[in-house]
Amino acid sequence: MAGASPRVGAQTAPVDLRILAINDLHGYLRPPAGGIRITDPDDKSRKIAVAAGGVETMATLVQQLRAQSPNSIFVAAGDLIGASPFLSAMFHDEPTIESLSMMGLEISSVGNHEFDEGKDELQRMQNGGCHPVDGCRGPHPFPGAKFHYLAASTVEKSTGKTIFPAYEIREFEGIPVAFIGLTLKGTADIVSPVGIADLEFKDEADTVNALVPELKSHGVEAIVVLIHQGGIPTGDYNECPGLSGAIVDIVKKFDPAIDVVISGHTHQAYVCTIDGRLVTSADKYGTLVTAIDLKLDRTTHDVLSAKADNIIVHPDASAKDAGQTALLESYDRLAAPIANRRAGSVAETLSNRANDAGESALGDVVADAQLAATRDPAKGAAVIALTNPGGIRINIAKKEDGAVSFADLFASQPFRNQLVTMTLTGAQIKDALEQQWRDPKLVRILQVSNGFSYTWDGAKPYGDHIVADSLALDGKRLDPAASYRVTVNNYLSVGGDGFTEFKQGTAPQIGAYDSDALYGYFQASSPIGPPSAGRIQRIN
């Protein structure tokens, strides 16, 4: 007001808070191939790829963005680790946890991939210590995360308690702001059942809404949700002309007290408004940092306004952070001799993009490699190999000379699952294939080895998609009563992705790791080109 002293004006002006956010880093310490796809500024009708990512540059960008606000906090929405490239995965993602800790990350929700190696391993990520099997492999003892994981909806069945705190309250110039962290309700369907046997993943909206009265009792009016669930946008990385997917209904169910939602999981970028509140996501693999600017009322402590900007992490736009560079180099010295081993070569890029029937060139090659590794009678006597598409993460790209390294192969299937060869009847194989449609919203077509083929009918109901007469091995119809030796990875063998029929397999024999099987196949069969499609046929 006119005549007010500067001191009075400062006391009544809103408090500015900048929240920096990432999601789905997946251990990409260096820029991912392909960067980020955005709308061409010169032609809105087409997309272009822009180089993006890398923790050395991200750390500098985060520091610059924090310096622009008197109050700031750096948070994440899960899947920081898991399905990681070789440099991080070889050390059980310890380098990524260390990198983010050095970068000043303070809070993160737990994503589904944080459970890839089970609850106990995730708790080691938080608390530190050597790996229980591989021991201390890194250049120094692993200290654990300096940031705090939050898991409001992940509860131990035996105790009824969450595995990490449900929320954390931070104060900015005397105003408390709550951050609630949680993962998607469907996590149990997409991670290995063994590692989460004692865990329950509760409804996202119900969990958040139940916490609101408790937070308000602590004087909290500003509430931010970090949720590992997301949506699919139709616009560019800073737009939201349309958003579909699970996050839309979840946000609409949230208590009106929720002010901001930072999301992830779908590997998309968007800045949206749903039911009057800001909802953001920062793509994947560290290509973006979301800068969210809030104005907080000094009297009511509530959020007056919220806006966001997804900022591309341009690898060459800023100086690299020296501490991050030193960290990567220390791990590189240990990893490089293994990572740089020549595996073989490709004649063309092996794509993980599936055709209309669900078959991909890389899926064919991976399945063939797993069959080759277990075909010998001493190694399992397999005649069929099946692998899950979610375990195949990126293409094996053809470089100038076609050469492929062990690190290239590892990046394509980074979960390091062991192969399991088991006996199944022809009827059980059909039943397992029918489970590809267990979730009609997320059909998972298994990739199959050479010599095995079948047709599926998209018009049939669940349980009747497979055309029974089409199931064939080396051109001969599969006998429902006969026994066959079938290789899958250990994730599938325990019912991963809902393929519970594999748990019925008998006489299991544990084999090589999937990445080692692929390496051996490349050494024996290079150069490798995309196989002819047609193992899986679709009608209707």
Protein backbone atom coordinates (compact mmCIF):
# COMPACT_ATOMS: atom_id res chain seq x y z
CA MET A 1 0.00 0.00 0.00
CA ALA A 2 1.08 3.64 -0.41
CA GLY A 3 3.38 4.83 2.32
CA ALA A 4 4.24 1.33 3.59
CA SER A 5 7.81 0.87 4.73
CA PRO A 6 10.09 -1.48 2.76
CA ARG A 7 10.25 -3.75 5.82
CA VAL A 8 6.45 -4.09 5.96
CA GLY A 9 6.35 -4.74 2.22
CA ALA A 10 8.92 -7.52 2.52
CA GLN A 11 6.96 -9.12 5.34
CA THR A 12 3.74 -9.23 3.32
CA ALA A 13 5.19 -10.15 -0.10
CA PRO A 14 4.73 -13.81 -1.10
CA VAL A 15 7.55 -16.26 -0.51
CA ASP A 16 9.09 -17.53 -3.74
CA LEU A 17 9.95 -21.22 -3.92
CA ARG A 18 11.59 -22.97 -6.86
CA ILE A 19 11.19 -26.75 -7.08
CA LEU A 20 13.52 -28.50 -9.52
CA ALA A 21 12.38 -31.96 -10.57
CA ILE A 22 13.46 -34.96 -12.63
CA ASN A 23 12.04 -38.44 -13.18
CA ASP A 24 12.97 -41.72 -14.86
CA LEU A 25 16.73 -41.11 -15.01
CA HIS A 26 17.31 -44.90 -15.14
CA GLY A 27 21.01 -44.57 -14.45
CA TYR A 28 21.75 -42.60 -17.64
CA LEU A 29 24.85 -40.88 -16.33
CA ARG A 30 25.84 -39.90 -19.87
CA PRO A 31 23.60 -38.44 -22.59
CA PRO A 32 21.30 -41.08 -24.11
CA ALA A 33 21.53 -41.87 -27.80
CA GLY A 34 18.86 -39.91 -29.62
CA GLY A 35 18.54 -37.21 -26.97
CA ILE A 36 15.00 -35.86 -26.78
CA ARG A 37 12.43 -35.51 -29.55
CA ILE A 38 10.77 -32.11 -29.72
CA THR A 39 8.68 -30.13 -32.18
CA ASP A 40 10.81 -28.49 -34.86
CA PRO A 41 10.73 -24.74 -34.12
CA ASP A 42 10.85 -24.07 -37.87
CA ASP A 43 8.17 -26.59 -38.83
CA LYS A 44 5.52 -27.38 -36.22
CA SER A 45 4.32 -30.38 -38.24
CA ARG A 46 7.48 -32.44 -37.64
CA LYS A 47 9.62 -33.68 -34.78
CA ILE A 48 13.39 -33.42 -34.48
CA ALA A 49 15.94 -35.07 -32.17
CA VAL A 50 17.99 -32.76 -29.95
CA ALA A 51 21.06 -33.89 -27.99
CA ALA A 52 20.20 -33.86 -24.29
CA GLY A 53 21.15 -35.33 -20.93
CA GLY A 54 24.24 -36.26 -18.95
CA VAL A 55 24.76 -35.73 -15.22
CA GLU A 56 27.88 -33.58 -15.71
CA THR A 57 25.81 -30.89 -17.44
CA MET A 58 22.66 -31.52 -15.41
CA ALA A 59 24.55 -30.76 -12.20
CA THR A 60 25.65 -27.40 -13.60
CA LEU A 61 22.13 -26.59 -14.81
CA VAL A 62 20.61 -27.49 -11.43
CA GLN A 63 23.11 -25.22 -9.69
CA GLN A 64 22.32 -22.35 -12.06
CA LEU A 65 18.56 -22.75 -11.64
CA ARG A 66 18.82 -22.91 -7.86
CA ALA A 67 20.84 -19.71 -7.81
CA GLN A 68 17.97 -17.85 -9.49
CA SER A 69 15.63 -18.24 -6.49
CA PRO A 70 16.06 -17.35 -2.80
CA ASN A 71 14.44 -20.69 -1.85
CA SER A 72 14.81 -23.93 -3.77
CA ILE A 73 14.61 -27.70 -3.46
CA PHE A 74 15.60 -30.49 -5.88
CA VAL A 75 13.24 -33.51 -5.99
CA ALA A 76 12.44 -36.55 -8.16
CA ALA A 77 9.49 -38.74 -9.10
CA GLY A 78 11.10 -42.19 -9.16
CA ASP A 79 12.86 -44.66 -11.45
CA LEU A 80 16.18 -42.95 -10.89
CA ILE A 81 17.77 -46.41 -11.04
CA GLY A 82 16.97 -49.72 -12.70
CA ALA A 83 17.06 -50.66 -16.41
CA SER A 84 20.33 -48.73 -16.44
CA PRO A 85 23.22 -48.61 -18.92
CA PHE A 86 26.32 -50.61 -18.17
CA LEU A 87 28.30 -47.98 -16.24
CA SER A 88 25.63 -47.72 -13.57
CA ALA A 89 24.23 -51.26 -13.70
CA MET A 90 27.59 -52.98 -13.32
CA PHE A 91 27.86 -51.42 -9.87
CA HIS A 92 24.20 -52.03 -8.95
CA ASP A 93 23.39 -48.36 -9.64
CA GLU A 94 25.66 -47.07 -6.89
CA PRO A 95 27.21 -44.48 -9.29
CA THR A 96 23.79 -42.97 -10.01
CA ILE A 97 22.88 -42.70 -6.35
CA GLU A 98 26.24 -41.02 -5.66
CA SER A 99 25.86 -38.67 -8.63
CA LEU A 100 22.42 -37.46 -7.54
CA SER A 101 23.57 -37.07 -3.96
CA MET A 102 26.46 -34.89 -5.12
CA MET A 103 24.05 -32.92 -7.29
CA GLY A 104 21.99 -31.98 -4.25
CA LEU A 105 18.90 -34.11 -4.78
CA GLU A 106 16.92 -33.96 -1.54
CA ILE A 107 13.76 -36.06 -1.90
CA SER A 108 12.49 -38.73 -4.30
CA SER A 109 9.46 -40.93 -4.57
CA VAL A 110 10.08 -44.62 -5.21
CA GLY A 111 9.42 -45.88 -8.73
CA ASN A 112 8.70 -49.43 -9.82
CA HIS A 113 12.25 -49.88 -11.12
CA GLU A 114 13.66 -49.08 -7.70
CA PHE A 115 12.33 -52.56 -6.84
CA ASP A 116 14.12 -54.37 -9.70
CA GLU A 117 16.48 -56.03 -7.22
CA GLY A 118 13.94 -56.17 -4.40
CA LYS A 119 13.10 -54.26 -1.24
CA ASP A 120 16.29 -55.09 0.62
CA GLU A 121 18.50 -53.81 -2.19
CA LEU A 122 16.47 -50.59 -2.38
CA GLN A 123 16.99 -50.08 1.32
CA ARG A 124 20.73 -50.57 0.73
CA MET A 125 20.55 -47.80 -1.85
CA GLN A 126 19.22 -45.54 0.88
CA ASN A 127 21.46 -46.67 3.72
CA GLY A 128 24.70 -47.72 2.02
CA GLY A 129 26.96 -50.72 2.42
CA CYS A 130 28.34 -53.43 0.16
CA HIS A 131 26.20 -55.57 -2.13
CA PRO A 132 25.33 -58.83 -0.33
CA VAL A 133 26.55 -61.01 -3.20
CA ASP A 134 29.02 -59.00 -5.28
CA GLY A 135 30.52 -57.11 -2.35
CA CYS A 136 32.21 -53.73 -2.80
CA ARG A 137 33.05 -53.31 -6.47
CA GLY A 138 33.32 -49.54 -6.71
CA PRO A 139 36.32 -47.24 -6.32
CA HIS A 140 35.30 -46.49 -2.72
CA PRO A 141 32.82 -47.76 -0.11
CA PHE A 142 29.21 -47.02 -1.08
CA PRO A 143 27.79 -44.44 1.38
CA GLY A 144 24.13 -44.67 0.37
CA ALA A 145 21.86 -41.85 -0.74
CA LYS A 146 22.11 -38.42 0.83
CA PHE A 147 18.59 -37.76 -0.42
CA HIS A 148 15.51 -39.32 1.18
CA TYR A 149 13.23 -41.84 -0.49
CA LEU A 150 9.50 -41.49 0.27
CA ALA A 151 7.01 -44.34 -0.13
CA ALA A 152 3.56 -43.41 1.20
CA SER A 153 1.71 -46.22 -0.56
CA THR A 154 4.24 -49.06 -0.18
CA VAL A 155 3.44 -51.00 2.98
CA GLU A 156 4.95 -54.10 4.57
CA LYS A 157 2.20 -56.67 5.01
CA SER A 158 3.87 -58.08 8.10
CA THR A 159 4.07 -54.76 9.98
CA GLY A 160 1.57 -52.47 8.29
CA LYS A 161 4.29 -49.81 8.07
CA THR A 162 5.62 -48.01 5.01
CA ILE A 163 9.12 -49.02 3.93
CA PHE A 164 10.19 -45.36 3.83
CA PRO A 165 8.51 -42.26 5.28
CA ALA A 166 5.27 -41.23 3.58
CA TYR A 167 6.13 -37.54 3.41
CA GLU A 168 8.64 -34.89 4.37
CA ILE A 169 7.95 -31.33 5.48
CA ARG A 170 10.41 -28.57 4.59
CA GLU A 171 10.19 -24.93 5.73
CA PHE A 172 10.90 -21.94 3.52
CA GLU A 173 11.01 -18.60 5.34
CA GLY A 174 8.81 -20.12 8.01
CA ILE A 175 6.25 -21.64 5.65
CA PRO A 176 5.95 -25.45 5.80
CA VAL A 177 5.66 -27.30 2.50
CA ALA A 178 4.89 -31.03 2.45
CA PHE A 179 6.20 -33.46 -0.15
CA ILE A 180 4.37 -36.81 -0.42
CA GLY A 181 6.11 -39.58 -2.36
CA LEU A 182 4.52 -42.72 -3.80
CA THR A 183 4.70 -45.22 -6.63
CA LEU A 184 2.01 -46.63 -8.87
CA LYS A 185 -0.54 -49.09 -7.50
CA GLY A 186 0.31 -51.59 -10.25
CA THR A 187 3.97 -51.99 -9.25
CA ALA A 188 3.45 -55.58 -8.08
CA ASP A 189 2.46 -56.56 -11.63
CA ILE A 190 5.63 -55.24 -13.28
CA VAL A 191 8.47 -56.22 -10.95
CA SER A 192 9.80 -59.58 -9.83
CA PRO A 193 7.40 -61.03 -7.24
CA VAL A 194 10.23 -62.51 -5.17
CA GLY A 195 11.73 -59.17 -4.15
CA ILE A 196 8.43 -57.65 -3.03
CA ALA A 197 6.70 -60.68 -1.52
CA ASP A 198 5.95 -58.85 1.75
CA LEU A 199 4.88 -55.57 0.15
CA GLU A 200 1.50 -54.10 -0.72
CA PHE A 201 1.07 -51.15 -3.08
CA LYS A 202 -1.99 -49.18 -2.09
CA ASP A 203 -4.23 -46.91 -4.15
CA GLU A 204 -2.47 -43.67 -5.01
CA ALA A 205 -5.32 -41.20 -4.48
CA ASP A 206 -6.65 -42.90 -1.34
CA THR A 207 -3.15 -42.82 0.17
CA VAL A 208 -2.61 -39.14 -0.53
CA ASN A 209 -6.06 -38.06 0.62
CA ALA A 210 -5.70 -39.94 3.91
CA LEU A 211 -2.55 -37.92 4.68
CA VAL A 212 -4.11 -34.49 4.19
CA PRO A 213 -5.69 -34.17 7.68
CA GLU A 214 -2.41 -35.23 9.29
CA LEU A 215 -0.46 -32.64 7.29
CA LYS A 216 -2.95 -29.91 8.09
CA SER A 217 -2.60 -30.75 11.79
CA HIS A 218 1.07 -29.79 11.37
CA GLY A 219 0.10 -26.44 9.90
CA VAL A 220 0.78 -27.47 6.30
CA GLU A 221 -1.29 -25.85 3.55
CA ALA A 222 1.12 -26.23 0.61
CA ILE A 223 1.29 -29.87 -0.56
CA VAL A 224 3.34 -31.31 -3.43
CA VAL A 225 2.88 -34.91 -4.60
CA LEU A 226 5.80 -36.80 -6.15
CA ILE A 227 4.13 -39.73 -7.87
CA HIS A 228 5.63 -42.40 -10.09
CA GLN A 229 2.70 -42.60 -12.45
CA GLY A 230 1.98 -40.50 -15.50
CA GLY A 231 0.17 -39.78 -18.70
CA ILE A 232 0.54 -39.50 -22.46
CA PRO A 233 0.47 -35.95 -23.90
CA THR A 234 -0.24 -34.83 -27.43
CA GLY A 235 1.82 -31.64 -27.44
CA ASP A 236 5.44 -30.59 -27.16
CA TYR A 237 7.60 -30.93 -24.05
CA ASN A 238 6.28 -27.74 -22.45
CA GLU A 239 2.67 -28.08 -23.56
CA CYS A 240 -0.48 -29.98 -22.71
CA PRO A 241 -3.19 -29.66 -25.37
CA GLY A 242 -4.35 -33.13 -24.36
CA LEU A 243 -3.30 -35.63 -21.72
CA SER A 244 -4.54 -39.19 -21.27
CA GLY A 245 -3.51 -42.00 -19.00
CA ALA A 246 -3.72 -43.01 -15.36
CA ILE A 247 -2.46 -39.72 -13.93
CA VAL A 248 -5.55 -37.85 -15.13
CA ASP A 249 -8.04 -39.85 -13.05
CA ILE A 250 -5.68 -40.01 -10.08
CA VAL A 251 -5.25 -36.23 -9.93
CA LYS A 252 -9.00 -35.71 -10.26
CA LYS A 253 -9.47 -37.90 -7.17
CA PHE A 254 -6.92 -35.96 -5.11
CA ASP A 255 -8.14 -33.82 -2.22
CA PRO A 256 -8.38 -30.13 -3.24
CA ALA A 257 -5.59 -29.44 -0.75
CA ILE A 258 -3.04 -30.92 -3.18
CA ASP A 259 -1.40 -28.04 -5.04
CA VAL A 260 1.25 -29.51 -7.37
CA VAL A 261 1.78 -32.99 -8.84
CA ILE A 262 5.20 -34.03 -10.17
CA SER A 263 4.79 -37.25 -12.16
CA GLY A 264 6.77 -39.80 -14.18
CA HIS A 265 6.72 -43.45 -15.33
CA THR A 266 5.46 -42.91 -18.89
CA HIS A 267 8.73 -41.35 -20.13
CA GLN A 268 6.89 -38.31 -21.44
CA ALA A 269 7.30 -34.55 -21.06
CA TYR A 270 4.43 -32.21 -20.25
CA VAL A 271 3.32 -29.20 -18.27
CA CYS A 272 -0.41 -29.49 -17.61
CA THR A 273 -3.24 -28.18 -15.51
CA ILE A 274 -5.69 -30.79 -14.23
CA ASP A 275 -8.56 -29.71 -11.99
CA GLY A 276 -6.86 -26.37 -11.44
CA ARG A 277 -3.51 -27.74 -10.30
CA LEU A 278 -0.14 -27.99 -11.96
CA VAL A 279 0.96 -31.45 -13.20
CA THR A 280 4.43 -31.93 -14.70
CA SER A 281 6.74 -34.62 -16.08
CA ALA A 282 10.34 -34.35 -17.34
CA ASP A 283 10.68 -36.96 -20.09
CA LYS A 284 13.32 -39.64 -19.32
CA TYR A 285 17.04 -40.38 -19.05
CA GLY A 286 17.91 -36.93 -17.69
CA THR A 287 17.05 -34.98 -20.83
CA LEU A 288 15.00 -32.36 -18.96
CA VAL A 289 14.88 -30.58 -15.61
CA THR A 290 11.52 -29.13 -14.60
CA ALA A 291 11.68 -25.72 -12.91
CA ILE A 292 8.49 -25.12 -10.90
CA ASP A 293 8.01 -21.68 -9.39
CA LEU A 294 5.56 -21.28 -6.52
CA LYS A 295 4.41 -18.20 -4.65
CA LEU A 296 3.45 -18.95 -1.05
CA ASP A 297 1.17 -16.76 1.04
CA ARG A 298 2.92 -15.65 4.25
CA THR A 299 -0.37 -15.51 6.15
CA THR A 300 -2.32 -18.55 4.96
CA HIS A 301 0.79 -20.59 4.02
CA ASP A 302 -1.03 -21.79 0.90
CA VAL A 303 0.10 -21.72 -2.74
CA LEU A 304 -0.95 -18.51 -4.48
CA SER A 305 0.35 -19.46 -7.93
CA ALA A 306 2.33 -22.19 -9.66
CA LYS A 307 4.01 -22.29 -13.05
CA ALA A 308 6.54 -24.63 -14.63
CA ASP A 309 9.10 -24.80 -17.40
CA ASN A 310 10.74 -27.97 -18.73
CA ILE A 311 14.34 -27.06 -19.54
CA ILE A 312 16.45 -29.17 -21.89
CA VAL A 313 19.77 -30.39 -20.48
CA HIS A 314 21.92 -29.39 -23.45
CA PRO A 315 25.20 -31.35 -23.13
CA ASP A 316 27.31 -28.55 -24.59
CA ALA A 317 25.43 -25.53 -23.26
CA SER A 318 27.14 -25.35 -19.88
CA ALA A 319 30.46 -26.28 -18.33
CA LYS A 320 30.61 -29.81 -16.99
CA ASP A 321 30.59 -30.16 -13.24
CA ALA A 322 34.10 -31.19 -12.18
CA GLY A 323 32.90 -33.34 -9.31
CA GLN A 324 30.58 -35.32 -11.54
CA THR A 325 33.32 -35.80 -14.13
CA ALA A 326 35.69 -37.14 -11.48
CA LEU A 327 33.01 -39.53 -10.18
CA LEU A 328 32.32 -40.95 -13.64
CA GLU A 329 36.01 -41.31 -14.39
CA SER A 330 36.58 -43.25 -11.16
CA TYR A 331 33.91 -45.78 -12.14
CA ASP A 332 34.97 -45.78 -15.79
CA ARG A 333 38.45 -46.96 -14.89
CA LEU A 334 36.94 -50.10 -13.38
CA ALA A 335 34.20 -50.68 -15.95
CA ALA A 336 35.91 -49.85 -19.25
CA PRO A 337 37.86 -53.11 -19.75
CA ILE A 338 34.58 -55.05 -19.62
CA ALA A 339 32.33 -52.50 -21.31
CA ASN A 340 34.59 -51.98 -24.32
CA ARG A 341 35.00 -55.65 -25.21
CA ARG A 342 34.04 -56.16 -28.84
CA ALA A 343 31.05 -58.49 -29.03
CA GLY A 344 30.68 -58.59 -32.79
CA SER A 345 28.84 -56.51 -35.35
CA VAL A 346 25.46 -55.74 -36.88
CA ALA A 347 24.61 -55.45 -40.55
CA GLU A 348 21.72 -53.09 -39.74
CA THR A 349 20.22 -51.56 -36.61
CA LEU A 350 18.31 -54.11 -34.55
CA SER A 351 15.13 -52.33 -33.50
CA ASN A 352 13.04 -53.10 -30.43
CA ARG A 353 9.99 -51.53 -32.08
CA ALA A 354 7.30 -54.17 -32.47
CA ASN A 355 5.20 -54.68 -35.60
CA ASP A 356 1.41 -55.06 -35.52
CA ALA A 357 1.74 -58.66 -34.36
CA GLY A 358 4.03 -57.66 -31.47
CA GLU A 359 7.28 -59.03 -32.93
CA SER A 360 10.49 -56.99 -33.08
CA ALA A 361 13.80 -57.64 -34.81
CA LEU A 362 15.77 -57.25 -31.59
CA GLY A 363 13.27 -59.43 -29.75
CA ASP A 364 13.88 -62.18 -32.29
CA VAL A 365 17.65 -61.91 -31.86
CA VAL A 366 17.49 -61.92 -28.06
CA ALA A 367 15.23 -64.99 -28.05
CA ASP A 368 17.54 -66.74 -30.53
CA ALA A 369 20.53 -65.96 -28.32
CA GLN A 370 18.81 -67.43 -25.29
CA LEU A 371 17.89 -70.57 -27.18
CA ALA A 372 21.47 -70.92 -28.44
CA ALA A 373 22.79 -70.58 -24.88
CA THR A 374 20.52 -73.34 -23.53
CA ARG A 375 20.06 -75.73 -26.48
CA ASP A 376 22.93 -78.04 -25.50
CA PRO A 377 21.67 -81.01 -23.43
CA ALA A 378 24.12 -80.14 -20.67
CA LYS A 379 22.83 -76.56 -20.52
CA GLY A 380 19.10 -77.25 -20.52
CA ALA A 381 18.19 -79.01 -23.78
CA ALA A 382 15.88 -76.12 -24.75
CA VAL A 383 13.85 -76.20 -27.95
CA ILE A 384 12.01 -72.89 -27.44
CA ALA A 385 13.01 -69.58 -25.84
CA LEU A 386 10.58 -66.83 -24.85
CA THR A 387 11.47 -63.40 -23.49
CA ASN A 388 9.48 -60.42 -22.23
CA PRO A 389 9.43 -57.23 -24.33
CA GLY A 390 9.82 -54.99 -21.28
CA GLY A 391 13.27 -56.44 -20.69
CA ILE A 392 14.47 -55.16 -24.07
CA ARG A 393 15.03 -51.45 -23.53
CA ILE A 394 16.73 -49.84 -26.53
CA ASN A 395 17.84 -50.64 -30.07
CA ILE A 396 21.25 -52.07 -30.88
CA ALA A 397 22.22 -49.35 -33.31
CA LYS A 398 24.52 -49.77 -36.27
CA LYS A 399 27.52 -47.47 -35.95
CA GLU A 400 29.79 -46.51 -38.82
CA ASP A 401 31.78 -49.75 -38.78
CA GLY A 402 28.94 -51.91 -37.46
CA ALA A 403 30.94 -52.86 -34.36
CA VAL A 404 29.01 -53.72 -31.19
CA SER A 405 30.49 -53.71 -27.69
CA PHE A 406 29.45 -55.58 -24.57
CA ALA A 407 28.13 -52.27 -23.20
CA ASP A 408 25.90 -51.88 -26.28
CA LEU A 409 24.41 -55.31 -25.70
CA PHE A 410 23.98 -54.70 -21.99
CA ALA A 411 22.14 -51.44 -22.61
CA SER A 412 19.63 -53.28 -24.79
CA GLN A 413 18.68 -55.67 -21.95
CA PRO A 414 20.09 -54.24 -18.71
CA PHE A 415 18.32 -56.27 -16.03
CA ARG A 416 20.96 -59.02 -15.93
CA ASN A 417 18.51 -61.85 -15.50
CA GLN A 418 19.66 -65.45 -15.41
CA LEU A 419 18.15 -67.89 -17.88
CA VAL A 420 15.95 -70.68 -16.59
CA THR A 421 15.11 -73.72 -18.73
CA MET A 422 12.04 -75.68 -17.63
CA THR A 423 9.69 -78.36 -18.87
CA LEU A 424 6.21 -77.26 -20.00
CA THR A 425 3.50 -79.12 -21.85
CA GLY A 426 2.17 -77.81 -25.11
CA ALA A 427 -1.04 -76.85 -23.27
CA GLN A 428 0.93 -74.92 -20.66
CA ILE A 429 2.83 -73.04 -23.37
CA LYS A 430 -0.49 -71.99 -24.89
CA ASP A 431 -1.81 -70.95 -21.47
CA ALA A 432 1.33 -68.87 -20.86
CA LEU A 433 0.91 -67.14 -24.22
CA GLU A 434 -2.72 -66.36 -23.40
CA GLN A 435 -1.47 -64.40 -20.39
CA GLN A 436 -0.04 -61.85 -22.82
CA TRP A 437 -3.53 -60.29 -22.68
CA ARG A 438 -3.90 -60.49 -18.90
CA ASP A 439 -4.05 -56.68 -18.81
CA PRO A 440 -6.03 -55.55 -21.86
CA LYS A 441 -4.65 -52.02 -21.44
CA LEU A 442 -1.06 -53.26 -21.55
CA VAL A 443 -0.69 -56.26 -23.83
CA ARG A 444 2.77 -57.84 -23.51
CA ILE A 445 3.72 -59.96 -26.52
CA LEU A 446 6.56 -62.33 -25.66
CA GLN A 447 9.39 -62.53 -28.18
CA VAL A 448 9.97 -66.06 -29.49
CA SER A 449 12.95 -67.98 -30.84
CA ASN A 450 13.44 -69.16 -34.40
CA GLY A 451 11.51 -72.32 -35.24
CA PHE A 452 8.59 -71.53 -32.95
CA SER A 453 5.56 -69.78 -34.40
CA TYR A 454 1.90 -69.07 -33.77
CA THR A 455 -1.04 -66.86 -34.78
CA TRP A 456 -3.23 -64.78 -32.50
CA ASP A 457 -6.69 -63.37 -33.09
CA GLY A 458 -7.31 -59.83 -31.86
CA ALA A 459 -11.08 -60.29 -31.97
CA LYS A 460 -11.22 -63.17 -29.48
CA PRO A 461 -11.83 -62.81 -25.73
CA TYR A 462 -9.21 -63.33 -23.02
CA GLY A 463 -8.12 -66.95 -22.82
CA ASP A 464 -8.91 -67.64 -26.46
CA HIS A 465 -6.57 -65.32 -28.40
CA ILE A 466 -4.13 -68.01 -29.54
CA VAL A 467 -5.19 -69.98 -32.59
CA ALA A 468 -4.49 -73.44 -31.14
CA ASP A 469 -3.78 -75.15 -34.46
CA SER A 470 -1.18 -72.51 -35.31
CA LEU A 471 1.23 -73.32 -32.47
CA ALA A 472 4.16 -74.99 -34.19
CA LEU A 473 7.77 -75.95 -33.58
CA ASP A 474 9.94 -76.44 -36.65
CA GLY A 475 6.81 -76.64 -38.77
CA LYS A 476 5.17 -79.35 -36.67
CA ARG A 477 2.07 -78.62 -34.60
CA LEU A 478 2.66 -78.44 -30.84
CA ASP A 479 1.16 -81.41 -29.02
CA PRO A 480 -0.84 -80.16 -26.00
CA ALA A 481 0.08 -83.29 -24.02
CA ALA A 482 3.75 -83.46 -24.98
CA SER A 483 6.58 -81.96 -22.93
CA TYR A 484 8.96 -79.32 -24.23
CA ARG A 485 12.04 -77.69 -22.72
CA VAL A 486 11.48 -73.92 -22.70
CA THR A 487 13.91 -71.16 -21.72
CA VAL A 488 12.75 -67.92 -20.11
CA ASN A 489 14.56 -65.46 -17.85
CA ASN A 490 14.29 -65.74 -14.08
CA TYR A 491 11.94 -62.74 -13.99
CA LEU A 492 9.38 -64.62 -16.07
CA SER A 493 10.06 -67.90 -14.29
CA VAL A 494 8.68 -66.53 -11.02
CA GLY A 495 5.59 -64.99 -12.65
CA GLY A 496 6.91 -61.56 -13.63
CA ASP A 497 4.63 -59.37 -15.77
CA GLY A 498 1.75 -61.60 -14.71
CA PHE A 499 3.01 -64.71 -16.55
CA THR A 500 2.16 -67.00 -13.65
CA GLU A 501 1.91 -70.09 -15.88
CA PHE A 502 5.71 -70.29 -15.98
CA LYS A 503 5.66 -71.04 -12.26
CA GLN A 504 4.17 -74.43 -13.20
CA GLY A 505 7.32 -75.42 -15.09
CA THR A 506 9.20 -78.47 -13.83
CA ALA A 507 12.85 -79.58 -13.77
CA PRO A 508 14.24 -76.03 -13.87
CA GLN A 509 17.88 -75.58 -14.80
CA ILE A 510 19.61 -72.23 -14.14
CA GLY A 511 21.78 -70.98 -16.97
CA ALA A 512 23.86 -67.98 -18.02
CA TYR A 513 22.93 -64.35 -17.60
CA ASP A 514 20.90 -62.98 -20.50
CA SER A 515 23.53 -60.37 -21.36
CA ASP A 516 26.24 -63.04 -21.46
CA ALA A 517 24.06 -65.22 -23.69
CA LEU A 518 23.62 -62.33 -26.11
CA TYR A 519 27.36 -61.62 -26.04
CA GLY A 520 28.13 -65.25 -26.87
CA TYR A 521 25.60 -65.23 -29.69
CA PHE A 522 27.13 -62.12 -31.24
CA GLN A 523 30.61 -63.60 -31.02
CA ALA A 524 29.45 -66.75 -32.79
CA SER A 525 27.06 -65.26 -35.36
CA SER A 526 28.22 -61.77 -36.35
CA PRO A 527 27.49 -59.86 -38.44
CA ILE A 528 23.86 -60.02 -37.36
CA GLY A 529 21.02 -58.44 -39.28
CA PRO A 530 17.29 -58.17 -38.56
CA PRO A 531 15.68 -61.61 -38.96
CA SER A 532 12.68 -61.93 -41.25
CA ALA A 533 9.48 -61.27 -39.33
CA GLY A 534 6.69 -63.84 -39.22
CA ARG A 535 7.25 -65.93 -36.14
CA ILE A 536 4.17 -64.26 -34.68
CA GLN A 537 1.17 -63.68 -36.95
CA ARG A 538 -1.95 -61.67 -36.18
CA ILE A 539 -5.43 -61.77 -37.60
CA ASN A 540 -8.25 -59.32 -36.89
